[in-house]
Amino acid sequence: MVKRVLITDDALFIRVALKNILEKNGFVVVGEAENGFSAIEKYKLLKPDIVTLDITMPVMGGLDALKHIRAFDKNAKVLMISSMGQESVVREAVISGALGFLIKPFNEETIVKSLSKL
């Protein structure tokens, strides 16, 4: 089954890099969001199988977006991707329902392996 992904990151180059990796490996990128608020709206509209969320973004960060998305859909599959690897942030993301956490910079193998598990 092809997995449909919503990519969320405020950095365009990260969204482009993720999209290229995912599409090359058989995923379908159904949308992109530049902040948490946009991710929530697009999640409700597009109903992706997986969401990637950056932690630090303008308007609304990834942790808040994660909580809203999981409140809307308790079965949402969310992978956090961030340059912030502090244990407290990782713990809060997992407690809030994230199914995985990757630290930037990431590589293709790590991304594909992590998303394939979800």
C-alpha atoms as a PDB file:
ATOM      1  CA  MET A   1       0.000   0.000   0.000  1.00  0.00           C
ATOM      2  CA  VAL A   2       1.322   3.423  -0.953  1.00  0.00           C
ATOM      3  CA  LYS A   3       1.652   5.742   2.042  1.00  0.00           C
ATOM      4  CA  ARG A   4       0.413   9.322   1.635  1.00  0.00           C
ATOM      5  CA  VAL A   5       2.509  11.918   3.481  1.00  0.00           C
ATOM      6  CA  LEU A   6       2.010  15.528   4.606  1.00  0.00           C
ATOM      7  CA  ILE A   7       5.379  17.271   5.086  1.00  0.00           C
ATOM      8  CA  THR A   8       5.566  20.137   7.592  1.00  0.00           C
ATOM      9  CA  ASP A   9       8.636  22.349   7.931  1.00  0.00           C
ATOM     10  CA  ASP A  10       9.147  26.100   7.761  1.00  0.00           C
ATOM     11  CA  ALA A  11      12.290  25.640   5.630  1.00  0.00           C
ATOM     12  CA  LEU A  12      11.485  25.171   1.934  1.00  0.00           C
ATOM     13  CA  PHE A  13      14.761  23.327   1.287  1.00  0.00           C
ATOM     14  CA  ILE A  14      13.874  20.725   3.946  1.00  0.00           C
ATOM     15  CA  ARG A  15      10.403  20.214   2.425  1.00  0.00           C
ATOM     16  CA  VAL A  16      11.940  19.807  -1.042  1.00  0.00           C
ATOM     17  CA  ALA A  17      14.611  17.376   0.240  1.00  0.00           C
ATOM     18  CA  LEU A  18      12.015  15.287   2.085  1.00  0.00           C
ATOM     19  CA  LYS A  19       9.654  15.272  -0.887  1.00  0.00           C
ATOM     20  CA  ASN A  20      12.429  14.109  -3.237  1.00  0.00           C
ATOM     21  CA  ILE A  21      13.494  11.316  -0.862  1.00  0.00           C
ATOM     22  CA  LEU A  22       9.945  10.138  -0.232  1.00  0.00           C
ATOM     23  CA  GLU A  23       8.785  10.177  -3.856  1.00  0.00           C
ATOM     24  CA  LYS A  24      11.948   8.357  -4.950  1.00  0.00           C
ATOM     25  CA  ASN A  25      11.098   5.629  -2.423  1.00  0.00           C
ATOM     26  CA  GLY A  26       7.454   5.057  -3.325  1.00  0.00           C
ATOM     27  CA  PHE A  27       5.655   7.454  -0.969  1.00  0.00           C
ATOM     28  CA  VAL A  28       3.135   9.997  -2.255  1.00  0.00           C
ATOM     29  CA  VAL A  29       3.493  13.532  -0.892  1.00  0.00           C
ATOM     30  CA  VAL A  30      -0.095  14.821  -0.729  1.00  0.00           C
ATOM     31  CA  GLY A  31       0.775  18.227   0.707  1.00  0.00           C
ATOM     32  CA  GLU A  32       3.248  20.537   2.364  1.00  0.00           C
ATOM     33  CA  ALA A  33       2.796  22.950   5.263  1.00  0.00           C
ATOM     34  CA  GLU A  34       5.107  25.705   6.465  1.00  0.00           C
ATOM     35  CA  ASN A  35       3.818  25.853  10.049  1.00  0.00           C
ATOM     36  CA  GLY A  36       1.766  23.896  12.566  1.00  0.00           C
ATOM     37  CA  PHE A  37      -1.470  25.785  11.970  1.00  0.00           C
ATOM     38  CA  SER A  38      -1.305  25.042   8.247  1.00  0.00           C
ATOM     39  CA  ALA A  39      -0.457  21.389   9.022  1.00  0.00           C
ATOM     40  CA  ILE A  40      -3.637  20.989  11.102  1.00  0.00           C
ATOM     41  CA  GLU A  41      -5.800  22.482   8.349  1.00  0.00           C
ATOM     42  CA  LYS A  42      -4.161  20.358   5.648  1.00  0.00           C
ATOM     43  CA  TYR A  43      -4.363  17.211   7.800  1.00  0.00           C
ATOM     44  CA  LYS A  44      -8.132  17.641   8.108  1.00  0.00           C
ATOM     45  CA  LEU A  45      -8.491  18.336   4.378  1.00  0.00           C
ATOM     46  CA  LEU A  46      -6.052  15.792   2.910  1.00  0.00           C
ATOM     47  CA  LYS A  47      -6.269  12.959   5.484  1.00  0.00           C
ATOM     48  CA  PRO A  48      -2.685  11.715   4.935  1.00  0.00           C
ATOM     49  CA  ASP A  49      -1.435   8.385   6.269  1.00  0.00           C
ATOM     50  CA  ILE A  50       1.637  10.042   7.842  1.00  0.00           C
ATOM     51  CA  VAL A  51       2.576  13.568   8.910  1.00  0.00           C
ATOM     52  CA  THR A  52       6.113  14.861   9.417  1.00  0.00           C
ATOM     53  CA  LEU A  53       6.335  17.811  11.799  1.00  0.00           C
ATOM     54  CA  ASP A  54       9.255  20.112  12.514  1.00  0.00           C
ATOM     55  CA  ILE A  55       9.395  21.285  16.145  1.00  0.00           C
ATOM     56  CA  THR A  56      10.338  24.945  15.773  1.00  0.00           C
ATOM     57  CA  MET A  57       8.189  26.885  13.295  1.00  0.00           C
ATOM     58  CA  PRO A  58       6.546  30.313  13.183  1.00  0.00           C
ATOM     59  CA  VAL A  59       2.813  30.759  13.917  1.00  0.00           C
ATOM     60  CA  MET A  60       2.514  27.345  15.618  1.00  0.00           C
ATOM     61  CA  GLY A  61       5.253  24.854  16.463  1.00  0.00           C
ATOM     62  CA  GLY A  62       5.234  21.128  15.871  1.00  0.00           C
ATOM     63  CA  LEU A  63       4.439  20.046  19.429  1.00  0.00           C
ATOM     64  CA  ASP A  64       1.253  22.135  19.519  1.00  0.00           C
ATOM     65  CA  ALA A  65       0.289  20.939  16.038  1.00  0.00           C
ATOM     66  CA  LEU A  66       0.889  17.337  17.123  1.00  0.00           C
ATOM     67  CA  LYS A  67      -1.499  17.743  20.051  1.00  0.00           C
ATOM     68  CA  HIS A  68      -4.199  19.289  17.823  1.00  0.00           C
ATOM     69  CA  ILE A  69      -3.830  16.637  15.124  1.00  0.00           C
ATOM     70  CA  ARG A  70      -3.969  13.801  17.671  1.00  0.00           C
ATOM     71  CA  ALA A  71      -7.036  15.394  19.314  1.00  0.00           C
ATOM     72  CA  PHE A  72      -8.713  15.463  15.889  1.00  0.00           C
ATOM     73  CA  ASP A  73      -7.573  11.912  14.995  1.00  0.00           C
ATOM     74  CA  LYS A  74      -6.272   9.712  17.808  1.00  0.00           C
ATOM     75  CA  ASN A  75      -4.868   7.294  15.196  1.00  0.00           C
ATOM     76  CA  ALA A  76      -2.783   9.940  13.382  1.00  0.00           C
ATOM     77  CA  LYS A  77       0.719   8.729  12.546  1.00  0.00           C
ATOM     78  CA  VAL A  78       3.169  11.544  13.200  1.00  0.00           C
ATOM     79  CA  LEU A  79       6.947  11.601  12.858  1.00  0.00           C
ATOM     80  CA  MET A  80       8.736  14.558  14.428  1.00  0.00           C
ATOM     81  CA  ILE A  81      11.811  15.826  12.569  1.00  0.00           C
ATOM     82  CA  SER A  82      13.887  18.497  14.262  1.00  0.00           C
ATOM     83  CA  SER A  83      17.347  19.893  14.813  1.00  0.00           C
ATOM     84  CA  MET A  84      16.398  20.050  18.501  1.00  0.00           C
ATOM     85  CA  GLY A  85      17.305  16.719  20.037  1.00  0.00           C
ATOM     86  CA  GLN A  86      16.922  17.609  23.701  1.00  0.00           C
ATOM     87  CA  GLU A  87      15.604  14.694  25.697  1.00  0.00           C
ATOM     88  CA  SER A  88      12.758  16.758  27.192  1.00  0.00           C
ATOM     89  CA  VAL A  89      11.471  17.732  23.731  1.00  0.00           C
ATOM     90  CA  VAL A  90      11.684  14.151  22.475  1.00  0.00           C
ATOM     91  CA  ARG A  91       9.872  12.918  25.602  1.00  0.00           C
ATOM     92  CA  GLU A  92       7.095  15.518  25.236  1.00  0.00           C
ATOM     93  CA  ALA A  93       6.625  14.591  21.570  1.00  0.00           C
ATOM     94  CA  VAL A  94       6.317  10.881  22.379  1.00  0.00           C
ATOM     95  CA  ILE A  95       3.977  11.520  25.323  1.00  0.00           C
ATOM     96  CA  SER A  96       1.858  13.691  23.008  1.00  0.00           C
ATOM     97  CA  GLY A  97       1.524  10.857  20.509  1.00  0.00           C
ATOM     98  CA  ALA A  98       4.433  11.088  18.071  1.00  0.00           C
ATOM     99  CA  LEU A  99       5.391   7.639  16.802  1.00  0.00           C
ATOM    100  CA  GLY A 100       8.966   8.604  16.039  1.00  0.00           C
ATOM    101  CA  PHE A 101      11.559  11.365  16.260  1.00  0.00           C
ATOM    102  CA  LEU A 102      14.400  12.114  13.820  1.00  0.00           C
ATOM    103  CA  ILE A 103      17.186  14.634  14.294  1.00  0.00           C
ATOM    104  CA  LYS A 104      18.333  16.890  11.429  1.00  0.00           C
ATOM    105  CA  PRO A 105      20.411  16.521   9.414  1.00  0.00           C
ATOM    106  CA  PHE A 106      18.787  13.288   8.305  1.00  0.00           C
ATOM    107  CA  ASN A 107      19.751  10.867   5.557  1.00  0.00           C
ATOM    108  CA  GLU A 108      17.622   9.057   3.022  1.00  0.00           C
ATOM    109  CA  GLU A 109      17.933   5.622   4.624  1.00  0.00           C
ATOM    110  CA  THR A 110      16.885   6.883   8.072  1.00  0.00           C
ATOM    111  CA  ILE A 111      13.859   8.756   6.710  1.00  0.00           C
ATOM    112  CA  VAL A 112      12.622   5.838   4.591  1.00  0.00           C
ATOM    113  CA  LYS A 113      13.148   3.306   7.384  1.00  0.00           C
ATOM    114  CA  SER A 114      11.348   5.488   9.950  1.00  0.00           C
ATOM    115  CA  LEU A 115       8.349   6.255   7.739  1.00  0.00           C
ATOM    116  CA  SER A 116       8.044   2.677   6.509  1.00  0.00           C
ATOM    117  CA  LYS A 117       7.615   1.494  10.114  1.00  0.00           C
ATOM    118  CA  LEU A 118       4.604   3.760  10.728  1.00  0.00           C
END
